[in-house]
């Protein structure tokens, strides 16, 4: 019996590997990105407290705007830096656009 490795299983493995190395705190929360077919979501997460600080969800074509929105929310809460969590996705396309939008709005990643 062979084990079938699907796309979703491969991404889940990458996500666990990345998440084991990075963690957010109150001073430098984790900027987590999620892609779906319709939307791009970004969250600032304080892993020490186990809570979401800010979130943004926009249609997939507005990935840069999602990064700008999350950065503005972070700066409003006096957060200047974040740890980027690409959640197992490749750092390209919409995921990269979120990071670049956040950097352009003044968030240090």
PDB file of N, CA and C in Angstrom:
ATOM      1  N   UNK A   1       0.847  -1.185   0.000  1.00  0.00           N
ATOM      2  CA  UNK A   1       0.000   0.000   0.000  1.00  0.00           C
ATOM      3  C   UNK A   1       0.889   1.243   0.000  1.00  0.00           C
ATOM      4  N   UNK A   2       0.722   2.074  -0.983  1.00  0.00           N
ATOM      5  CA  UNK A   2       1.518   3.289  -1.079  1.00  0.00           C
ATOM      6  C   UNK A   2       0.756   4.475  -0.521  1.00  0.00           C
ATOM      7  N   UNK A   3       1.486   5.380   0.011  1.00  0.00           N
ATOM      8  CA  UNK A   3       0.888   6.584   0.566  1.00  0.00           C
ATOM      9  C   UNK A   3       0.824   7.651  -0.525  1.00  0.00           C
ATOM     10  N   UNK A   4      -0.338   8.219  -0.734  1.00  0.00           N
ATOM     11  CA  UNK A   4      -0.514   9.233  -1.762  1.00  0.00           C
ATOM     12  C   UNK A   4      -0.305  10.605  -1.129  1.00  0.00           C
ATOM     13  N   UNK A   5       0.619  11.350  -1.687  1.00  0.00           N
ATOM     14  CA  UNK A   5       0.893  12.694  -1.191  1.00  0.00           C
ATOM     15  C   UNK A   5       0.183  13.677  -2.110  1.00  0.00           C
ATOM     16  N   UNK A   6      -0.812  14.329  -1.578  1.00  0.00           N
ATOM     17  CA  UNK A   6      -1.574  15.291  -2.359  1.00  0.00           C
ATOM     18  C   UNK A   6      -0.972  16.678  -2.209  1.00  0.00           C
ATOM     19  N   UNK A   7      -1.474  17.594  -3.006  1.00  0.00           N
ATOM     20  CA  UNK A   7      -1.051  18.988  -2.926  1.00  0.00           C
ATOM     21  C   UNK A   7      -1.332  19.565  -1.540  1.00  0.00           C
ATOM     22  N   UNK A   8      -2.519  19.241  -1.015  1.00  0.00           N
ATOM     23  CA  UNK A   8      -2.916  19.760   0.290  1.00  0.00           C
ATOM     24  C   UNK A   8      -2.036  19.205   1.404  1.00  0.00           C
ATOM     25  N   UNK A   9      -1.682  17.932   1.319  1.00  0.00           N
ATOM     26  CA  UNK A   9      -0.819  17.317   2.322  1.00  0.00           C
ATOM     27  C   UNK A   9       0.581  17.921   2.265  1.00  0.00           C
ATOM     28  N   UNK A  10       1.087  18.153   1.064  1.00  0.00           N
ATOM     29  CA  UNK A  10       2.410  18.767   0.916  1.00  0.00           C
ATOM     30  C   UNK A  10       2.422  20.173   1.502  1.00  0.00           C
ATOM     31  N   UNK A  11       1.371  20.949   1.252  1.00  0.00           N
ATOM     32  CA  UNK A  11       1.292  22.302   1.806  1.00  0.00           C
ATOM     33  C   UNK A  11       1.188  22.261   3.324  1.00  0.00           C
ATOM     34  N   UNK A  12       0.428  21.314   3.850  1.00  0.00           N
ATOM     35  CA  UNK A  12       0.288  21.183   5.301  1.00  0.00           C
ATOM     36  C   UNK A  12       1.633  20.866   5.950  1.00  0.00           C
ATOM     37  N   UNK A  13       2.432  20.020   5.304  1.00  0.00           N
ATOM     38  CA  UNK A  13       3.779  19.709   5.819  1.00  0.00           C
ATOM     39  C   UNK A  13       4.664  20.949   5.829  1.00  0.00           C
ATOM     40  N   UNK A  14       4.643  21.698   4.730  1.00  0.00           N
ATOM     41  CA  UNK A  14       5.440  22.937   4.662  1.00  0.00           C
ATOM     42  C   UNK A  14       4.974  23.933   5.720  1.00  0.00           C
ATOM     43  N   UNK A  15       3.662  24.017   5.897  1.00  0.00           N
ATOM     44  CA  UNK A  15       3.100  24.947   6.874  1.00  0.00           C
ATOM     45  C   UNK A  15       3.561  24.597   8.290  1.00  0.00           C
ATOM     46  N   UNK A  16       3.531  23.321   8.648  1.00  0.00           N
ATOM     47  CA  UNK A  16       3.999  22.897   9.978  1.00  0.00           C
ATOM     48  C   UNK A  16       5.482  23.201  10.159  1.00  0.00           C
ATOM     49  N   UNK A  17       6.265  22.968   9.119  1.00  0.00           N
ATOM     50  CA  UNK A  17       7.711  23.214   9.192  1.00  0.00           C
ATOM     51  C   UNK A  17       7.993  24.701   9.405  1.00  0.00           C
ATOM     52  N   UNK A  18       7.297  25.555   8.672  1.00  0.00           N
ATOM     53  CA  UNK A  18       7.475  27.003   8.808  1.00  0.00           C
ATOM     54  C   UNK A  18       7.009  27.465  10.182  1.00  0.00           C
ATOM     55  N   UNK A  19       5.848  26.987  10.615  1.00  0.00           N
ATOM     56  CA  UNK A  19       5.262  27.417  11.875  1.00  0.00           C
ATOM     57  C   UNK A  19       6.105  26.986  13.072  1.00  0.00           C
ATOM     58  N   UNK A  20       6.878  25.887  12.924  1.00  0.00           N
ATOM     59  CA  UNK A  20       7.725  25.446  14.036  1.00  0.00           C
ATOM     60  C   UNK A  20       8.901  26.398  14.251  1.00  0.00           C
ATOM     61  N   UNK A  21       9.259  27.155  13.226  1.00  0.00           N
ATOM     62  CA  UNK A  21      10.420  28.046  13.314  1.00  0.00           C
ATOM     63  C   UNK A  21      10.066  29.481  13.671  1.00  0.00           C
ATOM     64  N   UNK A  22       8.835  29.894  13.406  1.00  0.00           N
ATOM     65  CA  UNK A  22       8.472  31.288  13.666  1.00  0.00           C
ATOM     66  C   UNK A  22       7.298  31.358  14.633  1.00  0.00           C
ATOM     67  N   UNK A  23       7.277  32.421  15.402  1.00  0.00           N
ATOM     68  CA  UNK A  23       6.159  32.674  16.318  1.00  0.00           C
ATOM     69  C   UNK A  23       6.066  34.173  16.523  1.00  0.00           C
ATOM     70  N   UNK A  24       4.869  34.651  16.695  1.00  0.00           N
ATOM     71  CA  UNK A  24       4.658  36.073  16.910  1.00  0.00           C
ATOM     72  C   UNK A  24       4.461  36.382  18.383  1.00  0.00           C
ATOM     73  N   UNK A  25       4.760  37.603  18.759  1.00  0.00           N
ATOM     74  CA  UNK A  25       4.484  38.068  20.117  1.00  0.00           C
ATOM     75  C   UNK A  25       3.827  39.440  20.026  1.00  0.00           C
ATOM     76  N   UNK A  26       3.609  40.085  21.149  1.00  0.00           N
ATOM     77  CA  UNK A  26       2.898  41.364  21.151  1.00  0.00           C
ATOM     78  C   UNK A  26       3.681  42.447  20.411  1.00  0.00           C
ATOM     79  N   UNK A  27       5.006  42.442  20.535  1.00  0.00           N
ATOM     80  CA  UNK A  27       5.829  43.460  19.885  1.00  0.00           C
ATOM     81  C   UNK A  27       5.988  43.201  18.398  1.00  0.00           C
ATOM     82  N   UNK A  28       6.123  41.937  18.032  1.00  0.00           N
ATOM     83  CA  UNK A  28       6.320  41.550  16.634  1.00  0.00           C
ATOM     84  C   UNK A  28       5.423  40.360  16.297  1.00  0.00           C
ATOM     85  N   UNK A  29       4.157  40.631  15.968  1.00  0.00           N
ATOM     86  CA  UNK A  29       3.223  39.534  15.708  1.00  0.00           C
ATOM     87  C   UNK A  29       3.498  38.833  14.379  1.00  0.00           C
ATOM     88  N   UNK A  30       2.846  37.699  14.210  1.00  0.00           N
ATOM     89  CA  UNK A  30       2.992  36.917  12.992  1.00  0.00           C
ATOM     90  C   UNK A  30       1.969  37.411  11.978  1.00  0.00           C
ATOM     91  N   UNK A  31       2.434  37.730  10.778  1.00  0.00           N
ATOM     92  CA  UNK A  31       1.552  38.140   9.685  1.00  0.00           C
ATOM     93  C   UNK A  31       1.276  36.898   8.845  1.00  0.00           C
ATOM     94  N   UNK A  32       0.120  36.278   9.083  1.00  0.00           N
ATOM     95  CA  UNK A  32      -0.251  35.036   8.413  1.00  0.00           C
ATOM     96  C   UNK A  32      -1.104  35.350   7.189  1.00  0.00           C
ATOM     97  N   UNK A  33      -0.823  34.669   6.087  1.00  0.00           N
ATOM     98  CA  UNK A  33      -1.534  34.879   4.829  1.00  0.00           C
ATOM     99  C   UNK A  33      -2.285  33.600   4.465  1.00  0.00           C
ATOM    100  N   UNK A  34      -3.518  33.751   3.985  1.00  0.00           N
ATOM    101  CA  UNK A  34      -4.294  32.619   3.483  1.00  0.00           C
ATOM    102  C   UNK A  34      -4.875  32.983   2.120  1.00  0.00           C
ATOM    103  N   UNK A  35      -4.698  32.084   1.164  1.00  0.00           N
ATOM    104  CA  UNK A  35      -5.238  32.283  -0.184  1.00  0.00           C
ATOM    105  C   UNK A  35      -6.405  31.333  -0.391  1.00  0.00           C
ATOM    106  N   UNK A  36      -7.478  31.844  -0.940  1.00  0.00           N
ATOM    107  CA  UNK A  36      -8.549  30.979  -1.425  1.00  0.00           C
ATOM    108  C   UNK A  36      -8.790  31.364  -2.878  1.00  0.00           C
ATOM    109  N   UNK A  37      -9.718  30.694  -3.514  1.00  0.00           N
ATOM    110  CA  UNK A  37      -9.988  31.024  -4.913  1.00  0.00           C
ATOM    111  C   UNK A  37     -10.627  32.393  -5.074  1.00  0.00           C
ATOM    112  N   UNK A  38     -11.343  32.869  -4.044  1.00  0.00           N
ATOM    113  CA  UNK A  38     -12.038  34.143  -4.130  1.00  0.00           C
ATOM    114  C   UNK A  38     -11.354  35.278  -3.381  1.00  0.00           C
ATOM    115  N   UNK A  39     -10.683  34.966  -2.276  1.00  0.00           N
ATOM    116  CA  UNK A  39     -10.165  36.000  -1.385  1.00  0.00           C
ATOM    117  C   UNK A  39      -8.705  35.793  -1.030  1.00  0.00           C
ATOM    118  N   UNK A  40      -8.105  36.837  -0.517  1.00  0.00           N
ATOM    119  CA  UNK A  40      -6.782  36.776   0.107  1.00  0.00           C
ATOM    120  C   UNK A  40      -6.969  37.351   1.507  1.00  0.00           C
ATOM    121  N   UNK A  41      -6.539  36.628   2.521  1.00  0.00           N
ATOM    122  CA  UNK A  41      -6.715  37.046   3.905  1.00  0.00           C
ATOM    123  C   UNK A  41      -5.357  37.215   4.563  1.00  0.00           C
ATOM    124  N   UNK A  42      -5.266  38.212   5.421  1.00  0.00           N
ATOM    125  CA  UNK A  42      -4.046  38.447   6.192  1.00  0.00           C
ATOM    126  C   UNK A  42      -4.451  38.715   7.634  1.00  0.00           C
ATOM    127  N   UNK A  43      -3.713  38.129   8.570  1.00  0.00           N
ATOM    128  CA  UNK A  43      -3.983  38.318   9.989  1.00  0.00           C
ATOM    129  C   UNK A  43      -2.695  38.622  10.722  1.00  0.00           C
ATOM    130  N   UNK A  44      -2.781  39.487  11.710  1.00  0.00           N
ATOM    131  CA  UNK A  44      -1.681  39.702  12.647  1.00  0.00           C
ATOM    132  C   UNK A  44      -2.023  38.910  13.897  1.00  0.00           C
ATOM    133  N   UNK A  45      -1.175  37.962  14.251  1.00  0.00           N
ATOM    134  CA  UNK A  45      -1.477  37.046  15.342  1.00  0.00           C
ATOM    135  C   UNK A  45      -0.399  37.126  16.415  1.00  0.00           C
ATOM    136  N   UNK A  46      -0.832  37.283  17.663  1.00  0.00           N
ATOM    137  CA  UNK A  46       0.045  37.224  18.825  1.00  0.00           C
ATOM    138  C   UNK A  46      -0.017  35.800  19.344  1.00  0.00           C
ATOM    139  N   UNK A  47       1.000  34.978  19.030  1.00  0.00           N
ATOM    140  CA  UNK A  47       0.988  33.571  19.416  1.00  0.00           C
ATOM    141  C   UNK A  47       1.152  33.388  20.919  1.00  0.00           C
ATOM    142  N   UNK A  48       1.839  34.299  21.586  1.00  0.00           N
ATOM    143  CA  UNK A  48       2.036  34.191  23.030  1.00  0.00           C
ATOM    144  C   UNK A  48       0.695  34.302  23.757  1.00  0.00           C
ATOM    145  N   UNK A  49      -0.156  35.227  23.328  1.00  0.00           N
ATOM    146  CA  UNK A  49      -1.471  35.413  23.950  1.00  0.00           C
ATOM    147  C   UNK A  49      -2.535  34.557  23.279  1.00  0.00           C
ATOM    148  N   UNK A  50      -2.245  34.061  22.079  1.00  0.00           N
ATOM    149  CA  UNK A  50      -3.208  33.239  21.358  1.00  0.00           C
ATOM    150  C   UNK A  50      -4.387  34.020  20.829  1.00  0.00           C
ATOM    151  N   UNK A  51      -4.129  35.228  20.326  1.00  0.00           N
ATOM    152  CA  UNK A  51      -5.239  36.022  19.810  1.00  0.00           C
ATOM    153  C   UNK A  51      -4.850  36.772  18.544  1.00  0.00           C
ATOM    154  N   UNK A  52      -5.865  37.094  17.749  1.00  0.00           N
ATOM    155  CA  UNK A  52      -5.675  37.862  16.533  1.00  0.00           C
ATOM    156  C   UNK A  52      -5.745  39.336  16.866  1.00  0.00           C
ATOM    157  N   UNK A  53      -4.745  40.090  16.413  1.00  0.00           N
ATOM    158  CA  UNK A  53      -4.676  41.525  16.685  1.00  0.00           C
ATOM    159  C   UNK A  53      -5.455  42.308  15.634  1.00  0.00           C
ATOM    160  N   UNK A  54      -5.277  41.937  14.372  1.00  0.00           N
ATOM    161  CA  UNK A  54      -5.961  42.615  13.268  1.00  0.00           C
ATOM    162  C   UNK A  54      -6.101  41.642  12.106  1.00  0.00           C
ATOM    163  N   UNK A  55      -7.076  41.902  11.244  1.00  0.00           N
ATOM    164  CA  UNK A  55      -7.248  41.039  10.078  1.00  0.00           C
ATOM    165  C   UNK A  55      -7.755  41.847   8.896  1.00  0.00           C
ATOM    166  N   UNK A  56      -7.533  41.290   7.703  1.00  0.00           N
ATOM    167  CA  UNK A  56      -7.965  41.930   6.470  1.00  0.00           C
ATOM    168  C   UNK A  56      -8.329  40.829   5.486  1.00  0.00           C
ATOM    169  N   UNK A  57      -9.465  40.984   4.792  1.00  0.00           N
ATOM    170  CA  UNK A  57      -9.863  40.011   3.778  1.00  0.00           C
ATOM    171  C   UNK A  57     -10.448  40.769   2.595  1.00  0.00           C
ATOM    172  N   UNK A  58      -9.790  40.629   1.464  1.00  0.00           N
ATOM    173  CA  UNK A  58     -10.210  41.323   0.246  1.00  0.00           C
ATOM    174  C   UNK A  58     -10.261  40.339  -0.911  1.00  0.00           C
ATOM    175  N   UNK A  59     -10.949  40.693  -2.000  1.00  0.00           N
ATOM    176  CA  UNK A  59     -10.938  39.824  -3.184  1.00  0.00           C
ATOM    177  C   UNK A  59      -9.519  39.561  -3.676  1.00  0.00           C
ATOM    178  N   UNK A  60      -9.330  38.425  -4.284  1.00  0.00           N
ATOM    179  CA  UNK A  60      -7.996  37.950  -4.644  1.00  0.00           C
ATOM    180  C   UNK A  60      -7.204  38.913  -5.519  1.00  0.00           C
ATOM    181  N   UNK A  61      -7.865  39.721  -6.333  1.00  0.00           N
ATOM    182  CA  UNK A  61      -7.153  40.656  -7.203  1.00  0.00           C
ATOM    183  C   UNK A  61      -6.569  41.834  -6.436  1.00  0.00           C
ATOM    184  N   UNK A  62      -6.973  42.005  -5.203  1.00  0.00           N
ATOM    185  CA  UNK A  62      -6.519  43.142  -4.406  1.00  0.00           C
ATOM    186  C   UNK A  62      -5.554  42.717  -3.301  1.00  0.00           C
ATOM    187  N   UNK A  63      -4.614  41.854  -3.640  1.00  0.00           N
ATOM    188  CA  UNK A  63      -3.676  41.333  -2.646  1.00  0.00           C
ATOM    189  C   UNK A  63      -2.796  42.441  -2.081  1.00  0.00           C
ATOM    190  N   UNK A  64      -2.335  43.350  -2.908  1.00  0.00           N
ATOM    191  CA  UNK A  64      -1.505  44.451  -2.430  1.00  0.00           C
ATOM    192  C   UNK A  64      -2.299  45.330  -1.475  1.00  0.00           C
ATOM    193  N   UNK A  65      -3.562  45.570  -1.800  1.00  0.00           N
ATOM    194  CA  UNK A  65      -4.424  46.376  -0.930  1.00  0.00           C
ATOM    195  C   UNK A  65      -4.646  45.689   0.414  1.00  0.00           C
ATOM    196  N   UNK A  66      -4.696  44.350   0.424  1.00  0.00           N
ATOM    197  CA  UNK A  66      -4.830  43.612   1.685  1.00  0.00           C
ATOM    198  C   UNK A  66      -3.602  43.825   2.560  1.00  0.00           C
ATOM    199  N   UNK A  67      -2.416  43.843   1.947  1.00  0.00           N
ATOM    200  CA  UNK A  67      -1.178  44.116   2.681  1.00  0.00           C
ATOM    201  C   UNK A  67      -1.149  45.526   3.234  1.00  0.00           C
ATOM    202  N   UNK A  68      -1.604  46.482   2.444  1.00  0.00           N
ATOM    203  CA  UNK A  68      -1.648  47.875   2.892  1.00  0.00           C
ATOM    204  C   UNK A  68      -2.636  48.018   4.051  1.00  0.00           C
ATOM    205  N   UNK A  69      -3.799  47.366   3.940  1.00  0.00           N
ATOM    206  CA  UNK A  69      -4.822  47.456   4.989  1.00  0.00           C
ATOM    207  C   UNK A  69      -4.333  46.864   6.302  1.00  0.00           C
ATOM    208  N   UNK A  70      -3.650  45.729   6.245  1.00  0.00           N
ATOM    209  CA  UNK A  70      -3.165  45.098   7.473  1.00  0.00           C
ATOM    210  C   UNK A  70      -2.045  45.921   8.086  1.00  0.00           C
ATOM    211  N   UNK A  71      -1.221  46.551   7.241  1.00  0.00           N
ATOM    212  CA  UNK A  71      -0.146  47.402   7.757  1.00  0.00           C
ATOM    213  C   UNK A  71      -0.713  48.643   8.434  1.00  0.00           C
ATOM    214  N   UNK A  72      -1.746  49.244   7.848  1.00  0.00           N
ATOM    215  CA  UNK A  72      -2.372  50.414   8.471  1.00  0.00           C
ATOM    216  C   UNK A  72      -2.993  50.049   9.812  1.00  0.00           C
ATOM    217  N   UNK A  73      -3.625  48.873   9.880  1.00  0.00           N
ATOM    218  CA  UNK A  73      -4.213  48.421  11.143  1.00  0.00           C
ATOM    219  C   UNK A  73      -3.129  48.183  12.193  1.00  0.00           C
ATOM    220  N   UNK A  74      -1.989  47.645  11.758  1.00  0.00           N
ATOM    221  CA  UNK A  74      -0.874  47.399  12.687  1.00  0.00           C
ATOM    222  C   UNK A  74      -0.287  48.711  13.190  1.00  0.00           C
ATOM    223  N   UNK A  75      -0.076  49.652  12.279  1.00  0.00           N
ATOM    224  CA  UNK A  75       0.498  50.938  12.676  1.00  0.00           C
ATOM    225  C   UNK A  75      -0.451  51.713  13.587  1.00  0.00           C
ATOM    226  N   UNK A  76      -1.756  51.537  13.397  1.00  0.00           N
ATOM    227  CA  UNK A  76      -2.742  52.184  14.271  1.00  0.00           C
ATOM    228  C   UNK A  76      -2.669  51.627  15.692  1.00  0.00           C
ATOM    229  N   UNK A  77      -2.235  50.362  15.813  1.00  0.00           N
ATOM    230  CA  UNK A  77      -2.092  49.741  17.130  1.00  0.00           C
ATOM    231  C   UNK A  77      -0.658  49.812  17.633  1.00  0.00           C
ATOM    232  N   UNK A  78       0.145  50.684  17.001  1.00  0.00           N
ATOM    233  CA  UNK A  78       1.538  50.938  17.399  1.00  0.00           C
ATOM    234  C   UNK A  78       2.437  49.709  17.236  1.00  0.00           C
ATOM    235  N   UNK A  79       2.190  48.924  16.193  1.00  0.00           N
ATOM    236  CA  UNK A  79       3.029  47.774  15.850  1.00  0.00           C
ATOM    237  C   UNK A  79       3.790  48.149  14.595  1.00  0.00           C
ATOM    238  N   UNK A  80       5.112  48.119  14.689  1.00  0.00           N
ATOM    239  CA  UNK A  80       5.941  48.563  13.568  1.00  0.00           C
ATOM    240  C   UNK A  80       6.591  47.425  12.789  1.00  0.00           C
ATOM    241  N   UNK A  81       6.633  46.216  13.378  1.00  0.00           N
ATOM    242  CA  UNK A  81       7.306  45.091  12.735  1.00  0.00           C
ATOM    243  C   UNK A  81       6.478  43.822  12.901  1.00  0.00           C
ATOM    244  N   UNK A  82       6.641  42.895  11.968  1.00  0.00           N
ATOM    245  CA  UNK A  82       5.929  41.621  12.016  1.00  0.00           C
ATOM    246  C   UNK A  82       6.804  40.525  11.426  1.00  0.00           C
ATOM    247  N   UNK A  83       6.479  39.290  11.756  1.00  0.00           N
ATOM    248  CA  UNK A  83       7.143  38.119  11.197  1.00  0.00           C
ATOM    249  C   UNK A  83       6.226  37.577  10.119  1.00  0.00           C
ATOM    250  N   UNK A  84       6.714  37.373   8.904  1.00  0.00           N
ATOM    251  CA  UNK A  84       5.867  36.950   7.794  1.00  0.00           C
ATOM    252  C   UNK A  84       5.715  35.435   7.782  1.00  0.00           C
ATOM    253  N   UNK A  85       4.480  34.970   7.755  1.00  0.00           N
ATOM    254  CA  UNK A  85       4.155  33.544   7.698  1.00  0.00           C
ATOM    255  C   UNK A  85       3.433  33.281   6.382  1.00  0.00           C
ATOM    256  N   UNK A  86       4.133  32.659   5.442  1.00  0.00           N
ATOM    257  CA  UNK A  86       3.539  32.419   4.128  1.00  0.00           C
ATOM    258  C   UNK A  86       2.664  31.172   4.110  1.00  0.00           C
ATOM    259  N   UNK A  87       2.576  30.467   5.223  1.00  0.00           N
ATOM    260  CA  UNK A  87       1.646  29.338   5.419  1.00  0.00           C
ATOM    261  C   UNK A  87       1.816  28.215   4.404  1.00  0.00           C
ATOM    262  N   UNK A  88       3.024  27.947   3.987  1.00  0.00           N
ATOM    263  CA  UNK A  88       3.266  26.843   3.070  1.00  0.00           C
ATOM    264  C   UNK A  88       3.123  27.198   1.611  1.00  0.00           C
ATOM    265  N   UNK A  89       2.680  28.412   1.306  1.00  0.00           N
ATOM    266  CA  UNK A  89       2.570  28.842  -0.083  1.00  0.00           C
ATOM    267  C   UNK A  89       3.930  29.330  -0.564  1.00  0.00           C
ATOM    268  N   UNK A  90       4.137  29.287  -1.869  1.00  0.00           N
ATOM    269  CA  UNK A  90       5.352  29.840  -2.436  1.00  0.00           C
ATOM    270  C   UNK A  90       5.345  31.355  -2.279  1.00  0.00           C
ATOM    271  N   UNK A  91       6.511  31.946  -2.067  1.00  0.00           N
ATOM    272  CA  UNK A  91       6.602  33.403  -1.951  1.00  0.00           C
ATOM    273  C   UNK A  91       6.608  33.982  -3.360  1.00  0.00           C
ATOM    274  N   UNK A  92       5.426  34.032  -3.955  1.00  0.00           N
ATOM    275  CA  UNK A  92       5.256  34.544  -5.314  1.00  0.00           C
ATOM    276  C   UNK A  92       3.809  34.948  -5.481  1.00  0.00           C
ATOM    277  N   UNK A  93       3.537  35.738  -6.483  1.00  0.00           N
ATOM    278  CA  UNK A  93       2.162  36.098  -6.817  1.00  0.00           C
ATOM    279  C   UNK A  93       1.459  36.872  -5.726  1.00  0.00           C
ATOM    280  N   UNK A  94       0.279  36.380  -5.324  1.00  0.00           N
ATOM    281  CA  UNK A  94      -0.543  37.089  -4.343  1.00  0.00           C
ATOM    282  C   UNK A  94       0.095  37.152  -2.967  1.00  0.00           C
ATOM    283  N   UNK A  95       0.800  36.096  -2.561  1.00  0.00           N
ATOM    284  CA  UNK A  95       1.456  36.079  -1.246  1.00  0.00           C
ATOM    285  C   UNK A  95       2.547  37.149  -1.202  1.00  0.00           C
ATOM    286  N   UNK A  96       3.317  37.237  -2.258  1.00  0.00           N
ATOM    287  CA  UNK A  96       4.361  38.254  -2.348  1.00  0.00           C
ATOM    288  C   UNK A  96       3.750  39.654  -2.392  1.00  0.00           C
ATOM    289  N   UNK A  97       2.621  39.803  -3.074  1.00  0.00           N
ATOM    290  CA  UNK A  97       1.955  41.106  -3.174  1.00  0.00           C
ATOM    291  C   UNK A  97       1.479  41.599  -1.810  1.00  0.00           C
ATOM    292  N   UNK A  98       1.009  40.691  -0.955  1.00  0.00           N
ATOM    293  CA  UNK A  98       0.597  41.074   0.401  1.00  0.00           C
ATOM    294  C   UNK A  98       1.803  41.599   1.181  1.00  0.00           C
ATOM    295  N   UNK A  99       2.921  40.885   1.100  1.00  0.00           N
ATOM    296  CA  UNK A  99       4.127  41.311   1.813  1.00  0.00           C
ATOM    297  C   UNK A  99       4.640  42.651   1.297  1.00  0.00           C
ATOM    298  N   UNK A 100       4.656  42.825  -0.013  1.00  0.00           N
ATOM    299  CA  UNK A 100       5.135  44.078  -0.580  1.00  0.00           C
ATOM    300  C   UNK A 100       4.206  45.242  -0.252  1.00  0.00           C
ATOM    301  N   UNK A 101       2.894  44.990  -0.222  1.00  0.00           N
ATOM    302  CA  UNK A 101       1.940  46.026   0.158  1.00  0.00           C
ATOM    303  C   UNK A 101       2.115  46.451   1.596  1.00  0.00           C
ATOM    304  N   UNK A 102       2.352  45.482   2.476  1.00  0.00           N
ATOM    305  CA  UNK A 102       2.578  45.789   3.892  1.00  0.00           C
ATOM    306  C   UNK A 102       3.868  46.599   4.070  1.00  0.00           C
ATOM    307  N   UNK A 103       4.906  46.201   3.347  1.00  0.00           N
ATOM    308  CA  UNK A 103       6.183  46.959   3.432  1.00  0.00           C
ATOM    309  C   UNK A 103       6.016  48.372   2.911  1.00  0.00           C
ATOM    310  N   UNK A 104       5.290  48.511   1.803  1.00  0.00           N
ATOM    311  CA  UNK A 104       5.093  49.840   1.213  1.00  0.00           C
ATOM    312  C   UNK A 104       4.316  50.770   2.154  1.00  0.00           C
ATOM    313  N   UNK A 105       3.432  50.187   2.967  1.00  0.00           N
ATOM    314  CA  UNK A 105       2.646  51.001   3.905  1.00  0.00           C
ATOM    315  C   UNK A 105       3.388  51.277   5.211  1.00  0.00           C
ATOM    316  N   UNK A 106       4.606  50.741   5.358  1.00  0.00           N
ATOM    317  CA  UNK A 106       5.429  51.085   6.516  1.00  0.00           C
ATOM    318  C   UNK A 106       5.631  49.993   7.545  1.00  0.00           C
ATOM    319  N   UNK A 107       5.131  48.791   7.300  1.00  0.00           N
ATOM    320  CA  UNK A 107       5.334  47.693   8.243  1.00  0.00           C
ATOM    321  C   UNK A 107       6.648  46.999   7.911  1.00  0.00           C
ATOM    322  N   UNK A 108       7.480  46.777   8.919  1.00  0.00           N
ATOM    323  CA  UNK A 108       8.766  46.113   8.701  1.00  0.00           C
ATOM    324  C   UNK A 108       8.575  44.605   8.806  1.00  0.00           C
ATOM    325  N   UNK A 109       8.933  43.903   7.736  1.00  0.00           N
ATOM    326  CA  UNK A 109       8.802  42.440   7.720  1.00  0.00           C
ATOM    327  C   UNK A 109      10.176  41.835   7.571  1.00  0.00           C
TER     328      UNK A 109
END
